[in-house]
Amino acid sequence: MDFKHPKTVGNVIFSAFNYLVLITITVLCVYPFYYVFINSISANELSAGGQIMFFPREVHFTNYIQVMRLPGLARAAFVSVSRTVLGTIFPVLTAAFMGYLFTKNMWGRKFWYRFVIASMYLSAGLIPYFMVMIRLGFMNNFWVYIVPSMVQPFSILLVKTFIESTPPSLQESAEIDGAGPIRIFFFIVMPLIKPILATIAIFAAVGQWNAFMDTVIFVTDSDLWTLQYVLHRYLNAAGALAQLLRGAAAAGVNVDVGAIMAANPQTPTSVRMTITMVVTLPILFVYPFFQKYFVKGMMIGAVKG
């Protein structure tokens, strides 16, 4: 059967209005990223003067070359990537297993489930949290980035709801064949809940990649500083950093690039734009690989039925 709406004047106007609204929203969402990017690759003096609005001018990529040469950046990038990978894997596995357990007839299930969910709404505050982390030995410890975020009540809630929406006959058939809870979890449940796990992975990865307040509070060792924290420090000192980059010799850089650097001296604006792109680009590249699971996972995991 063909359910296409007749092309009346009203339908055409309505469709055109919808397209106009959606295009406007898309432009409003995309333009800030585009604006930052074209300013980071345009002539620095033009960017500082606010002359770059829609199209790049005098394109060059030396801002990225110079920012990548900042002291401690490579080490900070390694720490950020490590915490993002581990800080995504562990919360996803924890949410998957605990969400699965809360669907089984385990001892004290209602109590423990309510206990975990209550932590979404109750908090002792920053000072008690800081004291607990210190007592546990997490000061200047890489695991301060991973352990406190391993149990996410909202993620557990999503997984539990998602599992309850899957056919129970699958697990019952496995039980009849002699499979235990652990085997059922890894071979039956895990393949079924991939969409919601991908959704949780996106939340966890973005949160870990962008986080820097835990570094501010718990880490004074520069070897454990994250990329976001290091760039945040440089961002706050953009004026001084621009002066440093302008006066620094381009060691190991060929003559052509060095000439371009001289022709495009760093400004506070160019430093801010470039650092913003360096922090944003990795997530923009990773997100499309999970996007196909994102909508399905949120729709099924958030609504029981």
C-alpha atoms as a PDB file:
ATOM      1  CA  MET A   1       0.000   0.000   0.000  1.00  0.00           C
ATOM      2  CA  ASP A   2       1.171   3.514  -0.775  1.00  0.00           C
ATOM      3  CA  PHE A   3       0.834   5.855   2.200  1.00  0.00           C
ATOM      4  CA  LYS A   4       2.268   8.928   0.466  1.00  0.00           C
ATOM      5  CA  HIS A   5       0.420  12.125   1.263  1.00  0.00           C
ATOM      6  CA  PRO A   6      -1.173  13.940  -1.681  1.00  0.00           C
ATOM      7  CA  LYS A   7       0.861  16.907  -2.909  1.00  0.00           C
ATOM      8  CA  THR A   8      -1.561  19.622  -1.924  1.00  0.00           C
ATOM      9  CA  VAL A   9      -0.554  23.233  -1.473  1.00  0.00           C
ATOM     10  CA  GLY A  10      -0.792  22.853   2.294  1.00  0.00           C
ATOM     11  CA  ASN A  11       1.474  19.784   2.363  1.00  0.00           C
ATOM     12  CA  VAL A  12       4.067  21.480   0.156  1.00  0.00           C
ATOM     13  CA  ILE A  13       4.120  24.572   2.384  1.00  0.00           C
ATOM     14  CA  PHE A  14       4.342  22.412   5.511  1.00  0.00           C
ATOM     15  CA  SER A  15       7.240  20.364   4.077  1.00  0.00           C
ATOM     16  CA  ALA A  16       9.069  23.496   2.952  1.00  0.00           C
ATOM     17  CA  PHE A  17       8.650  25.007   6.421  1.00  0.00           C
ATOM     18  CA  ASN A  18       9.994  21.811   8.046  1.00  0.00           C
ATOM     19  CA  TYR A  19      13.031  21.776   5.752  1.00  0.00           C
ATOM     20  CA  LEU A  20      13.673  25.446   6.469  1.00  0.00           C
ATOM     21  CA  VAL A  21      13.537  24.908  10.233  1.00  0.00           C
ATOM     22  CA  LEU A  22      15.764  21.815  10.107  1.00  0.00           C
ATOM     23  CA  ILE A  23      18.310  23.518   7.839  1.00  0.00           C
ATOM     24  CA  THR A  24      18.381  26.536  10.159  1.00  0.00           C
ATOM     25  CA  ILE A  25      18.945  24.349  13.223  1.00  0.00           C
ATOM     26  CA  THR A  26      21.688  22.421  11.389  1.00  0.00           C
ATOM     27  CA  VAL A  27      23.475  25.622  10.417  1.00  0.00           C
ATOM     28  CA  LEU A  28      23.249  26.959  13.977  1.00  0.00           C
ATOM     29  CA  CYS A  29      24.772  23.721  15.300  1.00  0.00           C
ATOM     30  CA  VAL A  30      27.520  23.366  12.688  1.00  0.00           C
ATOM     31  CA  TYR A  31      28.567  26.988  12.226  1.00  0.00           C
ATOM     32  CA  PRO A  32      30.352  27.441  15.610  1.00  0.00           C
ATOM     33  CA  PHE A  33      32.665  24.494  14.800  1.00  0.00           C
ATOM     34  CA  TYR A  34      33.158  25.770  11.270  1.00  0.00           C
ATOM     35  CA  TYR A  35      33.890  29.286  12.554  1.00  0.00           C
ATOM     36  CA  VAL A  36      36.538  28.045  14.977  1.00  0.00           C
ATOM     37  CA  PHE A  37      38.141  25.874  12.283  1.00  0.00           C
ATOM     38  CA  ILE A  38      38.389  28.560   9.581  1.00  0.00           C
ATOM     39  CA  ASN A  39      39.820  30.990  12.124  1.00  0.00           C
ATOM     40  CA  SER A  40      42.447  28.454  13.159  1.00  0.00           C
ATOM     41  CA  ILE A  41      43.699  28.040   9.571  1.00  0.00           C
ATOM     42  CA  SER A  42      43.390  31.641   8.386  1.00  0.00           C
ATOM     43  CA  ALA A  43      45.963  34.414   8.644  1.00  0.00           C
ATOM     44  CA  ASN A  44      46.354  35.080  12.349  1.00  0.00           C
ATOM     45  CA  GLU A  45      46.215  38.850  12.104  1.00  0.00           C
ATOM     46  CA  LEU A  46      42.966  38.683  10.104  1.00  0.00           C
ATOM     47  CA  SER A  47      41.512  36.250  12.637  1.00  0.00           C
ATOM     48  CA  ALA A  48      42.508  38.488  15.554  1.00  0.00           C
ATOM     49  CA  GLY A  49      40.832  41.420  13.817  1.00  0.00           C
ATOM     50  CA  GLY A  50      37.530  39.550  13.473  1.00  0.00           C
ATOM     51  CA  GLN A  51      37.717  39.582   9.661  1.00  0.00           C
ATOM     52  CA  ILE A  52      37.103  35.832   9.211  1.00  0.00           C
ATOM     53  CA  MET A  53      33.402  35.048   9.278  1.00  0.00           C
ATOM     54  CA  PHE A  54      32.400  32.636   6.501  1.00  0.00           C
ATOM     55  CA  PHE A  55      35.462  31.692   4.436  1.00  0.00           C
ATOM     56  CA  PRO A  56      39.137  31.137   5.375  1.00  0.00           C
ATOM     57  CA  ARG A  57      41.708  33.565   4.000  1.00  0.00           C
ATOM     58  CA  GLU A  58      45.426  32.986   3.476  1.00  0.00           C
ATOM     59  CA  VAL A  59      45.098  29.372   4.565  1.00  0.00           C
ATOM     60  CA  HIS A  60      47.960  27.817   6.557  1.00  0.00           C
ATOM     61  CA  PHE A  61      48.315  25.035   9.149  1.00  0.00           C
ATOM     62  CA  THR A  62      51.303  26.318  11.084  1.00  0.00           C
ATOM     63  CA  ASN A  63      49.122  27.055  14.119  1.00  0.00           C
ATOM     64  CA  TYR A  64      48.634  23.307  14.555  1.00  0.00           C
ATOM     65  CA  ILE A  65      52.346  22.650  14.026  1.00  0.00           C
ATOM     66  CA  GLN A  66      53.263  25.125  16.739  1.00  0.00           C
ATOM     67  CA  VAL A  67      50.588  24.004  19.195  1.00  0.00           C
ATOM     68  CA  MET A  68      51.703  20.378  18.771  1.00  0.00           C
ATOM     69  CA  ARG A  69      55.199  21.487  19.843  1.00  0.00           C
ATOM     70  CA  LEU A  70      53.994  22.803  23.210  1.00  0.00           C
ATOM     71  CA  PRO A  71      55.905  21.270  26.159  1.00  0.00           C
ATOM     72  CA  GLY A  72      54.205  18.292  27.779  1.00  0.00           C
ATOM     73  CA  LEU A  73      51.506  17.980  25.130  1.00  0.00           C
ATOM     74  CA  ALA A  74      52.456  14.466  23.983  1.00  0.00           C
ATOM     75  CA  ARG A  75      52.484  13.113  27.538  1.00  0.00           C
ATOM     76  CA  ALA A  76      49.165  14.799  28.318  1.00  0.00           C
ATOM     77  CA  ALA A  77      47.625  13.373  25.131  1.00  0.00           C
ATOM     78  CA  PHE A  78      48.738   9.866  26.160  1.00  0.00           C
ATOM     79  CA  VAL A  79      47.147  10.304  29.606  1.00  0.00           C
ATOM     80  CA  SER A  80      43.893  11.564  28.058  1.00  0.00           C
ATOM     81  CA  VAL A  81      43.702   8.722  25.549  1.00  0.00           C
ATOM     82  CA  SER A  82      44.460   6.174  28.278  1.00  0.00           C
ATOM     83  CA  ARG A  83      41.804   7.519  30.637  1.00  0.00           C
ATOM     84  CA  THR A  84      39.281   7.743  27.806  1.00  0.00           C
ATOM     85  CA  VAL A  85      39.830   4.137  26.716  1.00  0.00           C
ATOM     86  CA  LEU A  86      39.860   2.649  30.234  1.00  0.00           C
ATOM     87  CA  GLY A  87      37.210   5.060  31.479  1.00  0.00           C
ATOM     88  CA  THR A  88      34.919   3.858  28.702  1.00  0.00           C
ATOM     89  CA  ILE A  89      35.549   0.111  28.904  1.00  0.00           C
ATOM     90  CA  PHE A  90      35.122  -0.279  32.676  1.00  0.00           C
ATOM     91  CA  PRO A  91      31.881   1.750  33.087  1.00  0.00           C
ATOM     92  CA  VAL A  92      30.328  -0.028  30.084  1.00  0.00           C
ATOM     93  CA  LEU A  93      31.171  -3.477  31.476  1.00  0.00           C
ATOM     94  CA  THR A  94      30.008  -2.476  34.962  1.00  0.00           C
ATOM     95  CA  ALA A  95      26.716  -1.067  33.670  1.00  0.00           C
ATOM     96  CA  ALA A  96      26.136  -4.152  31.520  1.00  0.00           C
ATOM     97  CA  PHE A  97      26.761  -6.653  34.313  1.00  0.00           C
ATOM     98  CA  MET A  98      24.907  -4.764  37.062  1.00  0.00           C
ATOM     99  CA  GLY A  99      21.983  -4.019  34.763  1.00  0.00           C
ATOM    100  CA  TYR A 100      21.804  -7.731  33.976  1.00  0.00           C
ATOM    101  CA  LEU A 101      21.970  -8.706  37.660  1.00  0.00           C
ATOM    102  CA  PHE A 102      19.097  -6.367  38.522  1.00  0.00           C
ATOM    103  CA  THR A 103      16.864  -8.264  36.084  1.00  0.00           C
ATOM    104  CA  LYS A 104      17.530 -11.582  37.880  1.00  0.00           C
ATOM    105  CA  ASN A 105      16.022 -12.899  41.119  1.00  0.00           C
ATOM    106  CA  MET A 106      19.092 -12.139  43.203  1.00  0.00           C
ATOM    107  CA  TRP A 107      19.123 -11.683  46.984  1.00  0.00           C
ATOM    108  CA  GLY A 108      18.063  -8.170  48.022  1.00  0.00           C
ATOM    109  CA  ARG A 109      17.621  -7.073  44.431  1.00  0.00           C
ATOM    110  CA  LYS A 110      15.115  -4.302  45.164  1.00  0.00           C
ATOM    111  CA  PHE A 111      17.207  -2.910  48.006  1.00  0.00           C
ATOM    112  CA  TRP A 112      20.461  -2.845  46.051  1.00  0.00           C
ATOM    113  CA  TYR A 113      18.784  -1.426  42.952  1.00  0.00           C
ATOM    114  CA  ARG A 114      17.188   1.389  44.931  1.00  0.00           C
ATOM    115  CA  PHE A 115      20.476   1.957  46.766  1.00  0.00           C
ATOM    116  CA  VAL A 116      22.309   2.435  43.452  1.00  0.00           C
ATOM    117  CA  ILE A 117      19.596   4.637  41.918  1.00  0.00           C
ATOM    118  CA  ALA A 118      19.438   6.808  45.060  1.00  0.00           C
ATOM    119  CA  SER A 119      23.042   7.834  44.432  1.00  0.00           C
ATOM    120  CA  MET A 120      21.815   9.681  41.335  1.00  0.00           C
ATOM    121  CA  TYR A 121      20.005  12.167  43.568  1.00  0.00           C
ATOM    122  CA  LEU A 122      22.017  12.188  46.814  1.00  0.00           C
ATOM    123  CA  SER A 123      25.515  13.614  47.167  1.00  0.00           C
ATOM    124  CA  ALA A 124      27.612  14.420  50.218  1.00  0.00           C
ATOM    125  CA  GLY A 125      29.311  17.308  48.426  1.00  0.00           C
ATOM    126  CA  LEU A 126      32.786  18.086  47.175  1.00  0.00           C
ATOM    127  CA  ILE A 127      34.637  18.221  50.520  1.00  0.00           C
ATOM    128  CA  PRO A 128      33.566  14.740  51.765  1.00  0.00           C
ATOM    129  CA  TYR A 129      34.234  13.380  48.279  1.00  0.00           C
ATOM    130  CA  PHE A 130      37.715  14.916  48.329  1.00  0.00           C
ATOM    131  CA  MET A 131      38.415  13.458  51.778  1.00  0.00           C
ATOM    132  CA  VAL A 132      37.302   9.974  50.687  1.00  0.00           C
ATOM    133  CA  MET A 133      39.503  10.094  47.579  1.00  0.00           C
ATOM    134  CA  ILE A 134      42.497  11.162  49.684  1.00  0.00           C
ATOM    135  CA  ARG A 135      41.885   8.364  52.231  1.00  0.00           C
ATOM    136  CA  LEU A 136      41.701   5.829  49.383  1.00  0.00           C
ATOM    137  CA  GLY A 137      45.098   6.974  48.099  1.00  0.00           C
ATOM    138  CA  PHE A 138      43.903   8.518  44.858  1.00  0.00           C
ATOM    139  CA  MET A 139      45.849  11.777  45.197  1.00  0.00           C
ATOM    140  CA  ASN A 140      48.308  11.961  42.284  1.00  0.00           C
ATOM    141  CA  ASN A 141      47.093   8.545  41.164  1.00  0.00           C
ATOM    142  CA  PHE A 142      46.055   7.764  37.580  1.00  0.00           C
ATOM    143  CA  TRP A 143      43.174   5.595  38.849  1.00  0.00           C
ATOM    144  CA  VAL A 144      41.400   8.659  40.213  1.00  0.00           C
ATOM    145  CA  TYR A 145      40.275   9.152  36.611  1.00  0.00           C
ATOM    146  CA  ILE A 146      38.830   5.635  36.315  1.00  0.00           C
ATOM    147  CA  VAL A 147      37.560   4.161  39.598  1.00  0.00           C
ATOM    148  CA  PRO A 148      35.096   6.915  40.728  1.00  0.00           C
ATOM    149  CA  SER A 149      33.275   6.753  37.373  1.00  0.00           C
ATOM    150  CA  MET A 150      33.037   2.968  37.075  1.00  0.00           C
ATOM    151  CA  VAL A 151      29.503   2.758  38.494  1.00  0.00           C
ATOM    152  CA  GLN A 152      27.076   5.067  36.681  1.00  0.00           C
ATOM    153  CA  PRO A 153      23.493   4.643  38.006  1.00  0.00           C
ATOM    154  CA  PHE A 154      21.871   6.161  34.908  1.00  0.00           C
ATOM    155  CA  SER A 155      23.774   3.768  32.634  1.00  0.00           C
ATOM    156  CA  ILE A 156      22.728   0.806  34.814  1.00  0.00           C
ATOM    157  CA  LEU A 157      19.117   1.975  34.582  1.00  0.00           C
ATOM    158  CA  LEU A 158      19.329   2.142  30.783  1.00  0.00           C
ATOM    159  CA  VAL A 159      20.829  -1.350  30.518  1.00  0.00           C
ATOM    160  CA  LYS A 160      18.287  -2.859  32.921  1.00  0.00           C
ATOM    161  CA  THR A 161      15.387  -1.360  30.966  1.00  0.00           C
ATOM    162  CA  PHE A 162      16.905  -2.482  27.671  1.00  0.00           C
ATOM    163  CA  ILE A 163      17.345  -6.078  28.857  1.00  0.00           C
ATOM    164  CA  GLU A 164      13.765  -6.164  30.159  1.00  0.00           C
ATOM    165  CA  SER A 165      12.586  -5.180  26.677  1.00  0.00           C
ATOM    166  CA  THR A 166      14.283  -8.210  25.055  1.00  0.00           C
ATOM    167  CA  PRO A 167      12.421 -11.562  24.709  1.00  0.00           C
ATOM    168  CA  PRO A 168      12.869 -13.514  27.993  1.00  0.00           C
ATOM    169  CA  SER A 169      12.500 -16.777  26.039  1.00  0.00           C
ATOM    170  CA  LEU A 170      16.100 -16.438  24.835  1.00  0.00           C
ATOM    171  CA  GLN A 171      17.517 -16.568  28.338  1.00  0.00           C
ATOM    172  CA  GLU A 172      15.030 -19.265  29.370  1.00  0.00           C
ATOM    173  CA  SER A 173      16.088 -21.468  26.444  1.00  0.00           C
ATOM    174  CA  ALA A 174      19.741 -21.090  27.427  1.00  0.00           C
ATOM    175  CA  GLU A 175      18.906 -22.008  31.036  1.00  0.00           C
ATOM    176  CA  ILE A 176      17.089 -25.132  29.860  1.00  0.00           C
ATOM    177  CA  ASP A 177      20.199 -26.100  27.871  1.00  0.00           C
ATOM    178  CA  GLY A 178      22.243 -25.830  31.064  1.00  0.00           C
ATOM    179  CA  ALA A 179      23.866 -22.414  30.629  1.00  0.00           C
ATOM    180  CA  GLY A 180      24.727 -20.566  33.832  1.00  0.00           C
ATOM    181  CA  PRO A 181      24.205 -16.828  34.534  1.00  0.00           C
ATOM    182  CA  ILE A 182      27.730 -15.857  33.458  1.00  0.00           C
ATOM    183  CA  ARG A 183      27.513 -17.800  30.188  1.00  0.00           C
ATOM    184  CA  ILE A 184      24.074 -16.341  29.476  1.00  0.00           C
ATOM    185  CA  PHE A 185      25.407 -12.849  30.141  1.00  0.00           C
ATOM    186  CA  PHE A 186      28.364 -13.083  27.740  1.00  0.00           C
ATOM    187  CA  PHE A 187      26.822 -15.178  24.951  1.00  0.00           C
ATOM    188  CA  ILE A 188      23.130 -14.213  25.041  1.00  0.00           C
ATOM    189  CA  VAL A 189      22.688 -10.841  26.733  1.00  0.00           C
ATOM    190  CA  MET A 190      25.806  -8.978  25.587  1.00  0.00           C
ATOM    191  CA  PRO A 191      25.137  -9.423  21.825  1.00  0.00           C
ATOM    192  CA  LEU A 192      21.533  -8.272  22.333  1.00  0.00           C
ATOM    193  CA  ILE A 193      22.387  -5.058  24.182  1.00  0.00           C
ATOM    194  CA  LYS A 194      25.072  -3.709  21.836  1.00  0.00           C
ATOM    195  CA  PRO A 195      23.004  -0.596  20.913  1.00  0.00           C
ATOM    196  CA  ILE A 196      22.598   0.559  24.513  1.00  0.00           C
ATOM    197  CA  LEU A 197      26.236  -0.277  25.304  1.00  0.00           C
ATOM    198  CA  ALA A 198      27.339   1.859  22.351  1.00  0.00           C
ATOM    199  CA  THR A 199      25.178   4.695  23.677  1.00  0.00           C
ATOM    200  CA  ILE A 200      26.739   4.408  27.135  1.00  0.00           C
ATOM    201  CA  ALA A 201      30.190   4.231  25.554  1.00  0.00           C
ATOM    202  CA  ILE A 202      29.582   7.558  23.801  1.00  0.00           C
ATOM    203  CA  PHE A 203      28.522   9.224  27.055  1.00  0.00           C
ATOM    204  CA  ALA A 204      31.498   7.781  28.937  1.00  0.00           C
ATOM    205  CA  ALA A 205      34.074   8.581  26.234  1.00  0.00           C
ATOM    206  CA  VAL A 206      32.926  12.177  25.773  1.00  0.00           C
ATOM    207  CA  GLY A 207      32.817  12.720  29.526  1.00  0.00           C
ATOM    208  CA  GLN A 208      36.299  11.278  30.051  1.00  0.00           C
ATOM    209  CA  TRP A 209      37.821  13.150  27.123  1.00  0.00           C
ATOM    210  CA  ASN A 210      36.431  16.527  28.191  1.00  0.00           C
ATOM    211  CA  ALA A 211      37.004  16.148  31.950  1.00  0.00           C
ATOM    212  CA  PHE A 212      39.685  18.202  33.651  1.00  0.00           C
ATOM    213  CA  MET A 213      38.242  19.199  37.043  1.00  0.00           C
ATOM    214  CA  ASP A 214      39.424  15.936  38.622  1.00  0.00           C
ATOM    215  CA  THR A 215      42.922  16.865  37.457  1.00  0.00           C
ATOM    216  CA  VAL A 216      42.546  20.296  39.059  1.00  0.00           C
ATOM    217  CA  ILE A 217      41.408  18.819  42.382  1.00  0.00           C
ATOM    218  CA  PHE A 218      43.420  15.608  42.753  1.00  0.00           C
ATOM    219  CA  VAL A 219      46.528  15.850  40.572  1.00  0.00           C
ATOM    220  CA  THR A 220      49.577  18.037  41.066  1.00  0.00           C
ATOM    221  CA  ASP A 221      52.034  15.729  39.296  1.00  0.00           C
ATOM    222  CA  SER A 222      52.547  17.133  35.788  1.00  0.00           C
ATOM    223  CA  ASP A 223      53.129  13.613  34.431  1.00  0.00           C
ATOM    224  CA  LEU A 224      49.462  12.839  35.139  1.00  0.00           C
ATOM    225  CA  TRP A 225      47.994  16.008  33.677  1.00  0.00           C
ATOM    226  CA  THR A 226      45.414  15.406  30.955  1.00  0.00           C
ATOM    227  CA  LEU A 227      45.403  17.047  27.553  1.00  0.00           C
ATOM    228  CA  GLN A 228      42.365  19.139  28.441  1.00  0.00           C
ATOM    229  CA  TYR A 229      43.987  20.427  31.612  1.00  0.00           C
ATOM    230  CA  VAL A 230      47.240  21.300  29.860  1.00  0.00           C
ATOM    231  CA  LEU A 231      45.407  23.062  27.049  1.00  0.00           C
ATOM    232  CA  HIS A 232      43.177  24.785  29.600  1.00  0.00           C
ATOM    233  CA  ARG A 233      46.278  26.219  31.244  1.00  0.00           C
ATOM    234  CA  TYR A 234      47.602  27.377  27.893  1.00  0.00           C
ATOM    235  CA  LEU A 235      44.188  28.740  26.966  1.00  0.00           C
ATOM    236  CA  ASN A 236      44.054  30.871  30.107  1.00  0.00           C
ATOM    237  CA  ALA A 237      47.520  32.176  29.290  1.00  0.00           C
ATOM    238  CA  ALA A 238      46.849  32.598  25.567  1.00  0.00           C
ATOM    239  CA  GLY A 239      48.436  36.046  25.413  1.00  0.00           C
ATOM    240  CA  ALA A 240      51.685  34.949  27.031  1.00  0.00           C
ATOM    241  CA  LEU A 241      51.690  31.740  25.001  1.00  0.00           C
ATOM    242  CA  ALA A 242      51.268  33.639  21.749  1.00  0.00           C
ATOM    243  CA  GLN A 243      54.242  35.797  22.695  1.00  0.00           C
ATOM    244  CA  LEU A 244      56.246  32.657  23.508  1.00  0.00           C
ATOM    245  CA  LEU A 245      55.401  31.006  20.192  1.00  0.00           C
ATOM    246  CA  ARG A 246      56.189  34.172  18.248  1.00  0.00           C
ATOM    247  CA  GLY A 247      59.631  34.434  19.793  1.00  0.00           C
ATOM    248  CA  ALA A 248      60.477  30.732  19.858  1.00  0.00           C
ATOM    249  CA  ALA A 249      62.799  29.339  17.230  1.00  0.00           C
ATOM    250  CA  ALA A 250      61.222  26.687  15.025  1.00  0.00           C
ATOM    251  CA  ALA A 251      63.757  23.940  15.782  1.00  0.00           C
ATOM    252  CA  GLY A 252      63.742  21.210  13.174  1.00  0.00           C
ATOM    253  CA  VAL A 253      61.285  23.031  10.926  1.00  0.00           C
ATOM    254  CA  ASN A 254      62.206  23.506   7.282  1.00  0.00           C
ATOM    255  CA  VAL A 255      62.748  26.922   5.773  1.00  0.00           C
ATOM    256  CA  ASP A 256      59.382  27.160   4.002  1.00  0.00           C
ATOM    257  CA  VAL A 257      57.387  26.437   7.141  1.00  0.00           C
ATOM    258  CA  GLY A 258      59.582  28.755   9.144  1.00  0.00           C
ATOM    259  CA  ALA A 259      58.912  31.528   6.652  1.00  0.00           C
ATOM    260  CA  ILE A 260      55.168  30.932   6.929  1.00  0.00           C
ATOM    261  CA  MET A 261      55.443  31.070  10.713  1.00  0.00           C
ATOM    262  CA  ALA A 262      57.204  34.395  10.453  1.00  0.00           C
ATOM    263  CA  ALA A 263      54.497  35.677   8.091  1.00  0.00           C
ATOM    264  CA  ASN A 264      51.700  34.474  10.443  1.00  0.00           C
ATOM    265  CA  PRO A 265      52.773  35.381  13.979  1.00  0.00           C
ATOM    266  CA  GLN A 266      50.720  33.815  16.757  1.00  0.00           C
ATOM    267  CA  THR A 267      47.985  35.849  18.417  1.00  0.00           C
ATOM    268  CA  PRO A 268      45.862  35.027  21.486  1.00  0.00           C
ATOM    269  CA  THR A 269      42.898  34.432  19.151  1.00  0.00           C
ATOM    270  CA  SER A 270      44.798  31.967  16.964  1.00  0.00           C
ATOM    271  CA  VAL A 271      45.980  30.074  20.046  1.00  0.00           C
ATOM    272  CA  ARG A 272      42.446  29.834  21.441  1.00  0.00           C
ATOM    273  CA  MET A 273      40.948  28.692  18.137  1.00  0.00           C
ATOM    274  CA  THR A 274      43.643  26.097  17.497  1.00  0.00           C
ATOM    275  CA  ILE A 275      43.519  24.650  21.004  1.00  0.00           C
ATOM    276  CA  THR A 276      39.727  24.409  20.796  1.00  0.00           C
ATOM    277  CA  MET A 277      39.974  22.408  17.573  1.00  0.00           C
ATOM    278  CA  VAL A 278      42.699  20.128  18.962  1.00  0.00           C
ATOM    279  CA  VAL A 279      40.406  19.203  21.870  1.00  0.00           C
ATOM    280  CA  THR A 280      37.247  18.844  19.748  1.00  0.00           C
ATOM    281  CA  LEU A 281      38.424  16.971  16.639  1.00  0.00           C
ATOM    282  CA  PRO A 282      39.054  13.522  18.217  1.00  0.00           C
ATOM    283  CA  ILE A 283      35.466  13.263  19.488  1.00  0.00           C
ATOM    284  CA  LEU A 284      34.094  14.500  16.159  1.00  0.00           C
ATOM    285  CA  PHE A 285      35.975  11.711  14.384  1.00  0.00           C
ATOM    286  CA  VAL A 286      34.952   8.983  16.835  1.00  0.00           C
ATOM    287  CA  TYR A 287      31.255   9.826  17.162  1.00  0.00           C
ATOM    288  CA  PRO A 288      30.150   8.769  13.613  1.00  0.00           C
ATOM    289  CA  PHE A 289      31.254   5.175  14.281  1.00  0.00           C
ATOM    290  CA  PHE A 290      28.785   4.926  17.200  1.00  0.00           C
ATOM    291  CA  GLN A 291      26.037   7.138  15.804  1.00  0.00           C
ATOM    292  CA  LYS A 292      24.110   4.291  14.133  1.00  0.00           C
ATOM    293  CA  TYR A 293      23.611   2.675  17.559  1.00  0.00           C
ATOM    294  CA  PHE A 294      22.932   5.891  19.409  1.00  0.00           C
ATOM    295  CA  VAL A 295      19.285   6.594  18.476  1.00  0.00           C
ATOM    296  CA  LYS A 296      18.226   2.940  18.716  1.00  0.00           C
ATOM    297  CA  GLY A 297      19.914   2.528  22.077  1.00  0.00           C
ATOM    298  CA  MET A 298      18.322   5.627  23.565  1.00  0.00           C
ATOM    299  CA  MET A 299      14.851   4.863  22.236  1.00  0.00           C
ATOM    300  CA  ILE A 300      14.762   1.246  23.381  1.00  0.00           C
ATOM    301  CA  GLY A 301      16.741   1.720  26.576  1.00  0.00           C
ATOM    302  CA  ALA A 302      14.747   4.699  27.792  1.00  0.00           C
ATOM    303  CA  VAL A 303      11.236   3.318  27.211  1.00  0.00           C
ATOM    304  CA  LYS A 304      10.119  -0.054  28.488  1.00  0.00           C
ATOM    305  CA  GLY A 305       7.876  -2.030  26.185  1.00  0.00           C
END
